Amino acid sequence: AELRSYFTTDELTQDEDIRLQSYIARNVFEQEIKECKDATEYLKSLDMIASVQVVKGPELLRPLELINKTNQFNLNGLRETRESWSRFFTSGYRVFQVSLRDRLSDHGVVLVSVVQESGNTLKVIHLVMSCRVFSRDLERGFIHYILRCYTNPDDLKVLFQYRKTKKNKPLQTFIENISEKEDATDYYELKKSILLDKLEYPVFDGRINE
């Protein structure tokens, strides 16, 4: 209730309408992919377009809402207050939000990540994604896309601040497929082989909106 109090009525109505249409689209998606003969071809046919935006300040609260409400695809289950959220807009951090649209719906903002940059090391502090867009490879596409935005992605060391929870099984499967636990820390390091993936969907719109 406290978080919702920072949104205007118009913002809430628009956001809730997008989410309602997205849930309806999710039902259509689940039925269509169940009936299709080739899941890969079906996913291509959705014409998914993802847009990445750098969040500039803590006043944009949809990313915070997604972090605090997401359970299944949540890197570590950590929650943030408005005060703790503000620290991510100091030097050394970048906050990303990803919107998705396809032929079924405009899904709005469905993925949020907080990354700490230090030299050639990227620490992923938060990675959350809405259950409305599961099974579309958006999470893998996002990691791939962000790495490709750096000049020398092969030189980057990407660490995930990953922790199992009782509810984040979908996230566990993803992280344990793309990373390996560091021996001396609690972090999981991204496997370099992910850069060799040839991802045909979703299509990212080619730029990060600063």
Protein backbone atom coordinates (compact mmCIF):
# COMPACT_ATOMS: atom_id res chain seq x y z
CA ALA A 1 0.00 0.00 0.00
CA GLU A 2 2.85 2.37 0.84
CA LEU A 3 4.49 1.83 -2.55
CA ARG A 4 1.23 2.33 -4.47
CA SER A 5 0.75 5.69 -2.77
CA TYR A 6 3.61 7.13 -4.86
CA PHE A 7 1.77 6.49 -8.16
CA THR A 8 -0.91 8.73 -9.64
CA THR A 9 -4.34 7.23 -10.35
CA ASP A 10 -3.72 7.50 -14.10
CA GLU A 11 -0.37 5.69 -13.80
CA LEU A 12 -1.94 2.89 -11.77
CA THR A 13 -4.86 2.52 -14.18
CA GLN A 14 -2.60 2.39 -17.24
CA ASP A 15 -0.16 -0.05 -15.62
CA GLU A 16 -2.93 -2.31 -14.34
CA ASP A 17 -4.57 -2.34 -17.78
CA ILE A 18 -1.28 -3.40 -19.41
CA ARG A 19 -0.87 -6.17 -16.87
CA LEU A 20 -4.46 -7.36 -17.33
CA GLN A 21 -4.01 -7.58 -21.11
CA SER A 22 -0.68 -9.34 -20.57
CA TYR A 23 -2.28 -11.98 -18.32
CA ILE A 24 -4.94 -12.58 -20.97
CA ALA A 25 -2.16 -12.91 -23.57
CA ARG A 26 -0.38 -15.36 -21.28
CA ASN A 27 -3.38 -17.69 -21.39
CA VAL A 28 -3.42 -17.49 -25.18
CA PHE A 29 0.33 -18.14 -25.27
CA GLU A 30 0.08 -21.24 -23.07
CA GLN A 31 -2.70 -22.69 -25.23
CA GLU A 32 -0.98 -21.94 -28.55
CA ILE A 33 2.44 -23.26 -27.56
CA LYS A 34 0.82 -26.43 -26.25
CA GLU A 35 -0.88 -27.01 -29.60
CA CYS A 36 2.00 -26.01 -31.89
CA LYS A 37 4.20 -28.59 -33.65
CA ASP A 38 7.44 -26.62 -33.33
CA ALA A 39 7.98 -24.45 -30.23
CA THR A 40 10.94 -22.60 -31.74
CA GLU A 41 8.99 -21.61 -34.83
CA TYR A 42 6.05 -20.61 -32.67
CA LEU A 43 8.23 -18.34 -30.52
CA LYS A 44 9.65 -16.73 -33.65
CA SER A 45 6.12 -16.10 -34.88
CA LEU A 46 5.35 -14.01 -31.80
CA ASP A 47 7.53 -11.18 -33.20
CA MET A 48 8.83 -10.33 -29.73
CA ILE A 49 10.52 -6.94 -29.37
CA ALA A 50 12.37 -6.11 -26.14
CA SER A 51 13.48 -2.60 -25.17
CA VAL A 52 16.12 -1.92 -22.51
CA GLN A 53 16.12 1.30 -20.52
CA VAL A 54 18.64 2.57 -17.97
CA VAL A 55 16.68 3.78 -14.94
CA LYS A 56 18.11 7.13 -13.93
CA GLY A 57 16.64 7.70 -10.50
CA PRO A 58 14.68 6.14 -7.62
CA GLU A 59 11.54 8.12 -8.42
CA LEU A 60 10.64 5.59 -11.13
CA LEU A 61 9.07 2.99 -8.87
CA ARG A 62 7.91 0.21 -11.23
CA PRO A 63 11.36 -1.48 -11.04
CA LEU A 64 11.23 -1.42 -7.23
CA GLU A 65 7.69 -2.81 -7.28
CA LEU A 66 8.76 -5.69 -9.53
CA ILE A 67 11.72 -6.55 -7.28
CA ASN A 68 9.56 -6.57 -4.17
CA LYS A 69 6.67 -8.55 -5.65
CA THR A 70 8.50 -11.18 -7.71
CA ASN A 71 9.11 -14.60 -6.17
CA GLN A 72 9.56 -17.27 -8.85
CA PHE A 73 12.13 -15.58 -11.06
CA ASN A 74 14.06 -13.67 -8.42
CA LEU A 75 17.84 -13.93 -8.13
CA ASN A 76 17.97 -14.01 -4.35
CA GLY A 77 14.64 -13.00 -2.80
CA LEU A 78 16.08 -9.76 -1.45
CA ARG A 79 13.64 -6.89 -0.96
CA GLU A 80 14.36 -3.17 -0.98
CA THR A 81 12.89 -0.21 0.86
CA ARG A 82 12.66 3.16 -0.86
CA GLU A 83 15.74 4.20 1.13
CA SER A 84 17.84 1.17 0.21
CA TRP A 85 16.64 1.43 -3.40
CA SER A 86 18.11 4.94 -3.61
CA ARG A 87 21.64 3.66 -3.05
CA PHE A 88 21.62 1.98 -6.46
CA PHE A 89 21.62 5.38 -8.11
CA THR A 90 25.03 6.30 -6.77
CA SER A 91 28.33 5.78 -8.60
CA GLY A 92 29.13 2.21 -9.60
CA TYR A 93 25.62 0.85 -10.16
CA ARG A 94 23.34 0.60 -13.17
CA VAL A 95 19.65 -0.22 -13.02
CA PHE A 96 18.05 -1.71 -16.13
CA GLN A 97 14.40 -2.29 -16.93
CA VAL A 98 13.15 -4.26 -19.92
CA SER A 99 9.81 -3.88 -21.66
CA LEU A 100 8.40 -6.54 -23.99
CA ARG A 101 5.79 -6.44 -26.69
CA ASP A 102 4.67 -9.06 -29.22
CA ARG A 103 1.75 -9.85 -31.48
CA LEU A 104 -0.32 -10.91 -28.46
CA SER A 105 0.15 -7.90 -26.21
CA ASP A 106 2.25 -5.02 -24.92
CA HIS A 107 3.50 -6.56 -21.66
CA GLY A 108 5.07 -3.39 -20.26
CA VAL A 109 8.07 -3.57 -17.92
CA VAL A 110 8.66 -7.25 -17.15
CA LEU A 111 12.34 -7.56 -16.19
CA VAL A 112 14.58 -5.54 -13.88
CA SER A 113 18.27 -5.92 -13.10
CA VAL A 114 20.68 -4.05 -10.86
CA VAL A 115 24.35 -4.35 -11.80
CA GLN A 116 27.41 -3.13 -9.90
CA GLU A 117 30.36 -2.26 -12.12
CA SER A 118 33.96 -2.45 -10.91
CA GLY A 119 36.79 -2.65 -13.45
CA ASN A 120 36.15 -5.66 -15.67
CA THR A 121 33.76 -7.23 -13.14
CA LEU A 122 29.97 -6.96 -13.25
CA LYS A 123 28.08 -8.08 -10.16
CA VAL A 124 24.41 -8.74 -10.75
CA ILE A 125 22.73 -7.74 -7.49
CA HIS A 126 19.13 -8.13 -8.65
CA LEU A 127 17.57 -9.99 -11.55
CA VAL A 128 13.81 -10.41 -11.54
CA MET A 129 11.27 -11.21 -14.25
CA SER A 130 7.49 -11.34 -14.31
CA CYS A 131 5.84 -14.75 -14.63
CA ARG A 132 3.70 -13.24 -17.40
CA VAL A 133 6.58 -13.72 -19.86
CA PHE A 134 8.05 -17.06 -18.84
CA SER A 135 9.24 -19.54 -21.50
CA ARG A 136 10.27 -16.90 -24.05
CA ASP A 137 14.07 -16.77 -23.44
CA LEU A 138 13.85 -13.10 -22.49
CA GLU A 139 16.17 -13.64 -19.50
CA ARG A 140 18.89 -15.25 -21.61
CA GLY A 141 18.47 -12.63 -24.32
CA PHE A 142 18.86 -9.84 -21.77
CA ILE A 143 22.15 -11.20 -20.39
CA HIS A 144 23.46 -11.71 -23.91
CA TYR A 145 22.38 -8.24 -25.01
CA ILE A 146 23.89 -6.42 -22.02
CA LEU A 147 27.24 -8.16 -22.47
CA ARG A 148 27.32 -7.24 -26.15
CA CYS A 149 26.91 -3.57 -25.21
CA TYR A 150 30.39 -3.61 -23.64
CA THR A 151 33.45 -3.14 -25.83
CA ASN A 152 35.19 -6.37 -24.80
CA PRO A 153 32.52 -8.74 -23.45
CA ASP A 154 34.94 -11.69 -23.49
CA ASP A 155 37.08 -9.90 -20.89
CA LEU A 156 34.21 -9.33 -18.48
CA LYS A 157 33.73 -11.38 -15.35
CA VAL A 158 30.03 -11.55 -14.56
CA LEU A 159 29.02 -12.61 -11.05
CA PHE A 160 25.51 -13.30 -9.84
CA GLN A 161 24.52 -12.65 -6.23
CA TYR A 162 22.39 -15.79 -6.34
CA ARG A 163 20.62 -17.45 -3.45
CA LYS A 164 18.09 -20.27 -3.49
CA THR A 165 14.73 -19.55 -1.89
CA LYS A 166 11.68 -21.73 -1.38
CA LYS A 167 9.93 -19.97 -4.27
CA ASN A 168 12.55 -19.21 -6.95
CA LYS A 169 12.81 -22.60 -8.66
CA PRO A 170 12.46 -21.15 -12.21
CA LEU A 171 15.37 -18.81 -11.49
CA GLN A 172 17.44 -21.63 -10.01
CA THR A 173 17.15 -23.65 -13.20
CA PHE A 174 18.25 -20.69 -15.31
CA ILE A 175 21.21 -19.57 -13.18
CA GLU A 176 22.55 -23.06 -12.62
CA ASN A 177 22.51 -23.65 -16.39
CA ILE A 178 24.46 -20.50 -17.27
CA SER A 179 26.86 -20.14 -14.33
CA GLU A 180 29.12 -21.97 -11.91
CA LYS A 181 29.70 -21.28 -8.23
CA GLU A 182 32.96 -19.59 -7.33
CA ASP A 183 34.90 -21.65 -4.81
CA ALA A 184 35.94 -18.81 -2.53
CA THR A 185 32.76 -16.69 -2.60
CA ASP A 186 29.00 -16.94 -2.56
CA TYR A 187 28.78 -15.67 -6.14
CA TYR A 188 28.05 -17.63 -9.29
CA GLU A 189 30.17 -16.79 -12.35
CA LEU A 190 28.64 -16.62 -15.82
CA LYS A 191 29.93 -19.23 -18.25
CA LYS A 192 31.68 -17.64 -21.23
CA SER A 193 29.91 -20.04 -23.56
CA ILE A 194 26.72 -17.99 -23.32
CA LEU A 195 28.31 -15.48 -25.71
CA LEU A 196 28.34 -18.20 -28.37
CA ASP A 197 24.58 -18.57 -28.24
CA LYS A 198 22.76 -17.58 -31.41
CA LEU A 199 19.51 -16.17 -30.11
CA GLU A 200 16.79 -15.60 -32.69
CA TYR A 201 14.23 -14.21 -30.24
CA PRO A 202 13.28 -11.99 -28.64
CA VAL A 203 14.65 -9.20 -30.83
CA PHE A 204 16.18 -6.36 -28.84
CA ASP A 205 15.55 -3.00 -30.43
CA GLY A 206 19.25 -2.27 -30.89
CA ARG A 207 19.94 0.37 -28.28
CA ILE A 208 19.82 1.08 -24.57
CA ASN A 209 17.63 4.07 -23.85
CA GLU A 210 19.60 6.27 -21.49
